[in-house]
Structure formats: C-alpha cells, structure tokens
N, C-alpha and C. Protein backbone atom coordinates (compact mmCIF):
# COMPACT_ATOMS: atom_id res chain seq x y z
N UNK A 1 -16.31 -2.97 -7.81
CA UNK A 1 -15.16 -3.73 -7.70
C UNK A 1 -14.24 -4.59 -6.75
N UNK A 2 -13.70 -5.69 -7.02
CA UNK A 2 -13.35 -6.45 -6.12
C UNK A 2 -12.14 -6.43 -5.92
N UNK A 3 -11.87 -6.23 -5.13
CA UNK A 3 -9.30 -6.98 -5.22
C UNK A 3 -9.52 -7.94 -4.41
N UNK A 4 -7.90 -7.99 -5.24
CA UNK A 4 -7.29 -9.94 -5.47
C UNK A 4 -7.01 -9.60 -3.70
N UNK A 5 -6.93 -9.05 -2.44
CA UNK A 5 -5.68 -9.33 -1.54
C UNK A 5 -5.42 -10.67 -0.87
N UNK A 6 -4.22 -10.46 -0.75
CA UNK A 6 -3.85 -11.85 -0.03
C UNK A 6 -4.20 -11.78 1.40
N UNK A 7 -4.32 -13.80 1.62
CA UNK A 7 -4.49 -14.35 2.66
C UNK A 7 -3.69 -13.68 3.71
N UNK A 8 -2.19 -13.71 3.73
CA UNK A 8 -1.76 -12.52 4.41
C UNK A 8 -2.33 -11.14 4.19
N UNK A 9 -2.27 -10.18 4.00
CA UNK A 9 -3.43 -8.93 3.89
C UNK A 9 -4.14 -9.10 4.69
N UNK A 10 -5.13 -9.64 4.61
CA UNK A 10 -6.49 -10.21 4.82
C UNK A 10 -5.55 -10.62 6.11
N UNK A 11 -5.97 -11.22 6.68
CA UNK A 11 -5.05 -11.32 8.03
C UNK A 11 -4.49 -10.08 8.89
N UNK A 12 -3.54 -9.09 8.33
CA UNK A 12 -3.07 -8.45 8.80
C UNK A 12 -4.28 -7.14 8.99
N UNK A 13 -4.86 -6.72 8.49
CA UNK A 13 -6.47 -6.57 8.22
C UNK A 13 -7.94 -6.84 9.19
N UNK A 14 -7.46 -7.82 9.27
CA UNK A 14 -8.20 -8.17 10.39
C UNK A 14 -8.03 -8.44 11.75
N UNK A 15 -6.87 -9.15 12.08
CA UNK A 15 -6.42 -8.18 12.96
C UNK A 15 -4.16 -7.93 12.64
N UNK A 16 -4.87 -6.12 13.32
CA UNK A 16 -3.08 -5.71 12.87
C UNK A 16 -2.65 -5.62 14.03
N UNK A 17 -0.69 -5.49 14.14
CA UNK A 17 -0.05 -6.14 15.11
C UNK A 17 0.22 -3.80 15.34
N UNK A 18 1.29 -4.07 16.31
CA UNK A 18 1.36 -3.00 16.73
C UNK A 18 0.25 -1.70 16.54
N UNK A 19 -1.65 -2.18 16.63
CA UNK A 19 -2.00 -0.61 16.24
C UNK A 19 -2.53 -0.11 18.08
N UNK A 20 -2.21 1.63 17.82
CA UNK A 20 -2.56 1.87 19.12
C UNK A 20 -1.63 3.23 19.16
N UNK A 21 -1.13 3.23 20.53
CA UNK A 21 -0.21 4.83 20.43
C UNK A 21 0.77 4.30 22.00
N UNK A 22 1.49 4.54 22.40
CA UNK A 22 2.84 4.19 23.31
C UNK A 22 2.35 5.59 24.04
N UNK A 23 2.71 5.29 25.61
CA UNK A 23 2.15 6.29 26.36
C UNK A 23 3.81 6.74 26.40
N UNK A 24 4.21 8.06 26.41
CA UNK A 24 5.59 8.30 25.78
C UNK A 24 6.38 8.30 25.68
N UNK A 25 5.67 8.09 24.19
CA UNK A 25 6.90 7.81 22.85
C UNK A 25 7.31 8.86 22.84
N UNK A 26 8.71 8.92 22.37
CA UNK A 26 10.18 8.96 22.31
C UNK A 26 9.47 9.64 20.42
N UNK A 27 8.58 9.74 20.32
CA UNK A 27 9.03 11.12 18.85
C UNK A 27 7.30 10.32 18.26
N UNK A 28 6.59 11.80 17.38
CA UNK A 28 5.21 10.58 16.75
C UNK A 28 5.31 11.30 15.60
N UNK A 29 4.70 11.10 14.71
CA UNK A 29 4.61 11.46 14.08
C UNK A 29 3.05 11.09 12.79
N UNK A 30 3.34 11.73 11.66
CA UNK A 30 1.28 11.98 10.48
C UNK A 30 1.40 11.92 9.84
N UNK A 31 1.56 10.94 8.73
CA UNK A 31 1.85 11.38 7.62
C UNK A 31 -0.16 11.68 5.94
N UNK A 32 -0.28 12.22 6.11
CA UNK A 32 -1.48 11.04 4.64
C UNK A 32 -0.72 11.61 3.33
N UNK A 33 -2.35 11.32 3.02
CA UNK A 33 -1.85 10.92 1.17
C UNK A 33 -3.67 11.39 0.85
N UNK A 34 -2.44 12.97 0.24
CA UNK A 34 -4.71 13.83 -0.24
C UNK A 34 -5.73 13.16 -0.90
N UNK A 35 -4.77 12.10 -2.09
CA UNK A 35 -5.29 11.66 -3.14
C UNK A 35 -6.25 10.33 -2.75
N UNK A 36 -5.74 9.99 -2.29
CA UNK A 36 -7.02 8.47 -1.07
C UNK A 36 -8.00 8.83 -0.20
N UNK A 37 -6.56 10.01 1.02
CA UNK A 37 -7.82 10.47 2.55
C UNK A 37 -6.71 9.01 2.83
N UNK A 38 -6.06 8.51 2.91
CA UNK A 38 -5.73 7.60 3.82
C UNK A 38 -4.69 8.67 4.67
N UNK A 39 -4.34 8.07 6.32
CA UNK A 39 -3.46 8.51 7.40
C UNK A 39 -3.82 7.83 8.10
N UNK A 40 -2.51 7.80 8.37
CA UNK A 40 -1.00 7.18 9.74
C UNK A 40 -0.79 7.82 10.39
N UNK A 41 -0.79 7.25 11.57
CA UNK A 41 0.34 8.24 12.37
C UNK A 41 1.24 6.91 13.13
N UNK A 42 2.30 7.34 13.28
CA UNK A 42 3.03 6.70 13.70
C UNK A 42 4.13 7.23 16.07
N UNK A 43 4.30 6.18 15.99
CA UNK A 43 4.65 6.56 17.54
C UNK A 43 5.43 5.34 17.73
N UNK A 44 7.22 6.10 18.49
CA UNK A 44 7.94 5.02 18.34
C UNK A 44 9.08 5.32 19.97
N UNK A 45 9.22 4.29 20.58
CA UNK A 45 10.67 4.65 21.67
C UNK A 45 11.91 3.73 20.87
N UNK A 46 12.46 4.44 21.44
CA UNK A 46 14.24 3.71 21.06
C UNK A 46 15.19 3.36 22.68
N UNK A 47 15.92 2.31 22.03
CA UNK A 47 16.47 1.91 23.05
C UNK A 47 18.05 2.53 22.58
N UNK A 48 18.92 2.42 22.52
CA UNK A 48 20.26 1.60 22.50
C UNK A 48 20.32 2.18 20.42
N UNK A 49 19.30 3.54 20.05
CA UNK A 49 19.88 3.39 18.53
C UNK A 49 18.61 2.23 17.42
N UNK A 50 18.29 1.88 18.40
CA UNK A 50 17.08 0.22 17.32
C UNK A 50 15.97 0.57 18.65
N UNK A 51 14.73 0.45 17.32
CA UNK A 51 13.91 1.00 17.54
C UNK A 51 13.06 -0.57 18.86
N UNK A 52 12.83 0.17 20.10
CA UNK A 52 12.07 -1.04 21.18
C UNK A 52 10.96 -1.60 20.15
N UNK A 53 10.28 -0.02 20.22
CA UNK A 53 8.81 -0.42 20.37
C UNK A 53 8.41 0.72 19.08
N UNK A 54 7.16 0.42 18.45
CA UNK A 54 6.84 1.28 17.50
C UNK A 54 5.08 0.40 17.34
N UNK A 55 3.94 2.08 16.99
CA UNK A 55 2.75 1.35 17.27
C UNK A 55 2.91 2.08 16.04
N UNK A 56 0.83 2.28 15.10
CA UNK A 56 -0.40 3.17 14.71
C UNK A 56 -1.06 3.32 15.17
N UNK A 57 -1.65 4.20 14.41
CA UNK A 57 -2.96 4.17 13.87
C UNK A 57 -3.20 4.60 12.62
N UNK A 58 -4.19 4.19 12.51
CA UNK A 58 -4.90 4.08 10.62
C UNK A 58 -5.92 4.95 10.29
N UNK A 59 -6.48 5.29 9.64
CA UNK A 59 -7.83 5.55 8.57
C UNK A 59 -7.49 5.82 7.50
N UNK A 60 -7.77 4.72 7.41
CA UNK A 60 -7.67 4.09 5.78
C UNK A 60 -8.45 2.86 5.26
N UNK A 61 -7.99 2.61 4.79
CA UNK A 61 -8.47 1.09 3.70
C UNK A 61 -7.79 -0.10 4.29
N UNK A 62 -8.14 -0.86 3.84
CA UNK A 62 -7.74 -2.69 4.47
C UNK A 62 -6.74 -1.99 3.80
N UNK A 63 -5.70 -2.25 2.68
CA UNK A 63 -4.70 -1.95 2.67
C UNK A 63 -3.46 -1.22 3.38
N UNK A 64 -4.34 0.43 3.84
CA UNK A 64 -3.34 1.06 5.11
C UNK A 64 -3.33 0.69 5.77
N UNK A 65 -3.97 -0.02 6.64
CA UNK A 65 -3.70 -1.23 8.24
C UNK A 65 -3.01 -2.01 8.69
N UNK A 66 -3.30 -3.40 6.69
CA UNK A 66 -1.91 -3.95 6.07
C UNK A 66 -0.47 -3.96 6.80
N UNK A 67 -0.22 -2.78 5.23
CA UNK A 67 0.96 -2.03 4.86
C UNK A 67 1.84 -2.50 6.28
N UNK A 68 0.32 -1.06 7.16
CA UNK A 68 1.23 -0.79 8.51
C UNK A 68 1.82 -1.71 9.86
N UNK A 69 0.47 -2.27 9.61
CA UNK A 69 0.59 -3.68 10.10
C UNK A 69 2.68 -4.21 10.25
N UNK A 70 1.65 -4.96 9.09
CA UNK A 70 3.53 -5.84 8.75
C UNK A 70 4.41 -4.79 9.08
N UNK A 71 4.57 -3.50 8.28
CA UNK A 71 5.92 -2.69 8.54
C UNK A 71 6.23 -2.72 9.60
N UNK A 72 5.16 -2.44 10.70
CA UNK A 72 5.82 -2.37 12.16
C UNK A 72 6.03 -3.50 13.23
N UNK A 73 6.22 -4.30 12.31
CA UNK A 73 6.46 -5.62 12.69
C UNK A 73 8.00 -6.07 12.94
N UNK A 74 8.58 -5.92 11.29
CA UNK A 74 9.56 -5.92 10.42
C UNK A 74 10.14 -5.04 10.62
N UNK A 75 10.23 -3.53 11.51
CA UNK A 75 11.33 -2.43 12.01
C UNK A 75 11.85 -3.22 13.29
N UNK A 76 10.94 -3.75 14.39
CA UNK A 76 11.27 -3.91 15.25
C UNK A 76 12.54 -4.30 16.03
N UNK A 77 13.46 -3.44 16.69
CA UNK A 77 14.91 -3.96 16.42
C UNK A 77 15.46 -3.54 15.55
N UNK A 78 14.73 -2.87 14.34
CA UNK A 78 15.97 -2.16 13.39
C UNK A 78 16.45 -0.86 14.41
N UNK A 79 17.48 -0.66 13.74
CA UNK A 79 18.55 0.51 13.88
C UNK A 79 17.76 1.76 13.35
N UNK A 80 18.12 3.02 13.50
CA UNK A 80 17.18 4.09 13.25
C UNK A 80 17.89 4.35 11.54
N UNK A 81 18.90 4.07 11.81
CA UNK A 81 19.96 3.80 10.30
C UNK A 81 19.53 3.07 9.36
N UNK A 82 18.69 2.27 9.69
CA UNK A 82 18.01 1.03 8.77
C UNK A 82 16.72 1.39 8.55
N UNK A 83 15.71 1.49 9.78
CA UNK A 83 14.68 2.49 9.43
C UNK A 83 14.00 3.07 8.06
N UNK A 84 15.70 4.01 8.51
CA UNK A 84 15.13 5.14 7.37
C UNK A 84 15.65 4.72 5.46
N UNK A 85 16.36 3.28 5.53
CA UNK A 85 16.03 2.49 4.34
C UNK A 85 15.56 2.03 3.96
N UNK A 86 14.73 1.22 5.19
CA UNK A 86 13.55 0.57 4.21
C UNK A 86 12.93 0.99 3.59
N UNK A 87 12.76 0.10 2.90
CA UNK A 87 13.11 -0.08 1.12
C UNK A 87 10.81 -0.63 0.94
N UNK A 88 10.01 0.19 0.75
CA UNK A 88 8.39 0.21 0.31
C UNK A 88 7.77 -0.82 -0.23
N UNK A 89 9.14 -1.90 -1.21
CA UNK A 89 8.98 -3.41 -1.40
C UNK A 89 9.18 -4.40 -0.95
N UNK A 90 9.45 -4.51 0.59
CA UNK A 90 9.40 -5.57 1.23
C UNK A 90 8.23 -5.70 1.81
N UNK A 91 7.90 -4.73 1.79
CA UNK A 91 6.21 -5.04 2.63
C UNK A 91 5.37 -5.67 1.50
N UNK A 92 5.14 -4.81 0.82
CA UNK A 92 4.60 -5.97 -0.71
C UNK A 92 4.85 -7.67 -0.71
N UNK A 93 6.31 -7.91 -1.05
CA UNK A 93 7.23 -9.44 -0.42
C UNK A 93 6.28 -9.55 0.60
N UNK A 94 6.19 -9.08 1.65
CA UNK A 94 6.11 -9.56 2.80
C UNK A 94 4.35 -10.07 3.17
N UNK A 95 3.85 -9.04 2.70
CA UNK A 95 2.69 -9.86 2.12
C UNK A 95 1.96 -10.89 1.16
N UNK A 96 2.90 -10.59 0.33
CA UNK A 96 2.82 -11.92 -0.37
C UNK A 96 2.04 -11.19 -2.38
N UNK A 97 2.40 -9.23 -2.16
CA UNK A 97 1.50 -9.02 -3.79
C UNK A 97 0.44 -7.90 -2.61
N UNK A 98 0.42 -6.93 -3.68
CA UNK A 98 -0.68 -6.26 -2.83
C UNK A 98 -0.87 -5.44 -4.83
N UNK A 99 -3.30 -5.49 -4.92
CA UNK A 99 -3.11 -4.96 -5.92
C UNK A 99 -2.39 -4.04 -6.32
N UNK A 100 -2.05 -4.05 -7.73
CA UNK A 100 -1.58 -2.71 -7.60
C UNK A 100 -2.42 -0.66 -7.69
N UNK A 101 -3.75 -1.23 -7.79
CA UNK A 101 -3.82 0.47 -7.73
C UNK A 101 -4.50 0.52 -6.01
N UNK A 102 -2.94 -0.61 -4.77
CA UNK A 102 -3.24 -0.02 -3.30
C UNK A 102 -1.46 -0.13 -2.78
N UNK A 103 -0.67 -0.36 -3.72
CA UNK A 103 1.14 0.30 -3.59
C UNK A 103 1.17 1.23 -2.98
N UNK A 104 0.79 1.68 -3.48
CA UNK A 104 0.74 3.72 -2.64
C UNK A 104 0.36 3.39 -0.85
N UNK A 105 0.16 2.88 -0.85
CA UNK A 105 -0.40 2.33 1.33
C UNK A 105 1.12 1.49 1.71
N UNK A 106 1.57 0.80 0.96
CA UNK A 106 3.57 0.23 1.19
C UNK A 106 4.17 1.29 1.75
N UNK A 107 3.98 2.63 0.45
CA UNK A 107 4.53 3.84 0.44
C UNK A 107 4.43 4.71 1.41
N UNK A 108 3.38 5.39 1.75
CA UNK A 108 2.77 6.06 2.60
C UNK A 108 3.04 5.56 4.40
N UNK A 109 2.75 4.27 4.76
CA UNK A 109 3.96 3.49 5.34
C UNK A 109 5.36 3.85 5.16
N UNK A 110 6.07 3.67 4.26
CA UNK A 110 7.20 3.82 4.33
C UNK A 110 7.51 5.60 5.00
N UNK A 111 7.42 6.01 4.00
CA UNK A 111 7.21 7.31 5.13
C UNK A 111 6.65 7.68 6.20
N UNK A 112 5.95 7.41 6.48
CA UNK A 112 5.43 7.27 8.12
C UNK A 112 6.81 7.34 8.50
N UNK A 113 7.05 6.10 8.68
CA UNK A 113 8.10 5.68 9.67
C UNK A 113 10.06 6.09 9.07
N UNK A 114 10.26 6.68 8.43
CA UNK A 114 10.73 8.26 7.93
C UNK A 114 10.26 9.06 8.54
N UNK A 115 9.28 9.68 9.05
CA UNK A 115 9.35 10.48 9.73
C UNK A 115 9.60 10.65 10.62
N UNK A 116 9.08 9.37 11.19
CA UNK A 116 8.97 9.50 12.50
C UNK A 116 10.35 9.42 13.40
N UNK A 117 11.10 8.72 12.69
CA UNK A 117 12.14 8.84 12.53
C UNK A 117 12.93 9.49 12.99
N UNK A 118 12.69 10.51 11.42
CA UNK A 118 13.89 11.66 11.90
C UNK A 118 12.74 13.04 12.56
N UNK A 119 11.59 12.55 13.43
CA UNK A 119 11.09 13.65 14.33
C UNK A 119 12.20 13.02 15.14
N UNK A 120 11.88 11.45 15.42
CA UNK A 120 13.22 11.12 17.12
C UNK A 120 14.41 11.98 16.63
N UNK A 121 15.64 11.94 15.12
CA UNK A 121 16.24 12.70 15.51
C UNK A 121 16.80 13.72 15.74
N UNK A 122 15.37 14.99 15.10
CA UNK A 122 15.06 15.87 16.24
C UNK A 122 16.18 16.26 17.09
N UNK A 123 14.81 15.65 17.61
CA UNK A 123 14.75 15.49 18.68
C UNK A 123 15.72 15.28 19.52
N UNK A 124 16.96 14.36 18.95
CA UNK A 124 18.16 13.64 20.15
C UNK A 124 19.43 13.87 19.54
N UNK A 125 19.20 15.16 18.31
CA UNK A 125 20.53 14.85 17.57
C UNK A 125 22.24 14.35 18.08
N UNK A 126 22.62 14.53 18.56
CA UNK A 126 23.33 14.03 19.98
C UNK A 126 23.40 12.81 19.46
N UNK A 127 22.81 12.09 19.62
CA UNK A 127 23.57 10.35 18.04
C UNK A 127 23.47 9.88 16.98
N UNK A 128 23.07 11.20 16.65
CA UNK A 128 23.50 11.71 14.72
C UNK A 128 24.84 12.82 14.59
N UNK A 129 24.49 12.92 15.44
CA UNK A 129 26.03 13.95 15.20
C UNK A 129 27.98 13.65 16.14
N UNK A 130 28.46 11.77 16.41
CA UNK A 130 28.44 11.36 16.88
C UNK A 130 30.31 12.37 16.41
N UNK A 131 30.54 13.26 16.41
CA UNK A 131 31.80 13.17 16.05
C UNK A 131 33.77 12.11 15.54
N UNK A 132 33.54 11.96 14.51
CA UNK A 132 34.44 10.82 14.56
C UNK A 132 35.68 11.09 15.33
N UNK A 133 36.50 10.50 16.66
CA UNK A 133 37.86 10.12 16.89
C UNK A 133 38.51 9.59 16.39
N UNK A 134 40.09 10.60 15.67
CA UNK A 134 40.69 9.94 15.87
C UNK A 134 42.15 9.56 16.49
N UNK A 135 42.79 8.50 16.81
CA UNK A 135 43.43 8.24 16.58
C UNK A 135 45.08 9.00 17.05
N UNK A 136 44.81 9.72 17.90
CA UNK A 136 46.93 10.35 17.85
C UNK A 136 47.34 9.73 18.31
N UNK A 137 48.94 9.32 18.01
CA UNK A 137 50.24 9.20 18.49
C UNK A 137 50.35 9.87 19.40
N UNK A 138 51.25 9.18 21.34
CA UNK A 138 51.25 10.15 21.99
C UNK A 138 52.71 10.41 22.43
N UNK A 139 52.89 9.06 21.45
CA UNK A 139 54.87 9.08 21.65
C UNK A 139 55.57 9.82 20.58
N UNK A 140 56.34 10.56 21.45
CA UNK A 140 57.31 11.62 20.44
C UNK A 140 58.69 10.31 19.69
N UNK A 141 59.00 10.91 18.19
CA UNK A 141 59.89 9.73 17.73
C UNK A 141 60.96 10.94 17.30
N UNK A 142 62.21 9.76 17.62
CA UNK A 142 63.54 10.96 17.87
C UNK A 142 64.22 10.62 16.50
N UNK A 143 64.51 11.72 15.82
CA UNK A 143 64.98 11.83 14.26
C UNK A 143 66.77 11.93 14.65
C-alpha cells in the first residue's frame, strides 16, 4: 500500500527540524500511541513565558517525524498558553494534508506538546497562579 505524502511532508521527514534533545531542558515529556506504536519525546526551554526552544525524538513512521518537525517550527516563540491551545489541524494544513490513516500522528504531536507544557507548568506553578491585583483607592472621601 503506497501513501501519497505531500512534498512538504516528505521534506520534513527526510530533513526534520528540531530533532534531538535539549540539554538542561526546562521540561521533558513522552507520549505514545499503543495502536500504531509511534512514540515522541519533547524537551523545551522557556523564557519569559514563551517557548524559546523545542526539540523532539521520534520512534515512528514518516508522518510521525514530519508532524513533530513542522509543529516544533510552528510553536517556537509561542506563549505557553498559546501552545496549550495549539490545534493539530494547523499541522495538517502546514503539511498540505496527510493521508487519512496518518492524521493521528498530528494529534499525537499536539498531545506531546501539551504534555511537555503541562510538565513545565507543574514545575513552575508561580507563573500560572499569579493573583489578580485589584486597584485599591488610597484616598479618603468625605461625606
């Protein structure tokens, strides 16, 4: 059975971006799909609440590698909140589509992104639990 991959998918498979591990990463997470056997590991560096760097390791098919590659390119510079809301459809569009039976790879990549951000958030709860400060008037009014 042959799969019709787009040129962009083949480019990211043959020459993946951001492959590897970040030394002294701020967070690391792994995800996998028990049905197909694909696995992904993500590591991130965060600065000022934004993803400064992200890398991945893959044990999987061409789609697994390509989706993680393109996603890491797309999320660099995003805030952690934006990354948590990132939609797998963005990956499919950026790759000019995926064969229907390989769309789950883009979903797995996003699950990995959300997991690594979640790990970071748990390590740094102070960043996401800043209290809202109400402005209080210090002047007294006379009646």
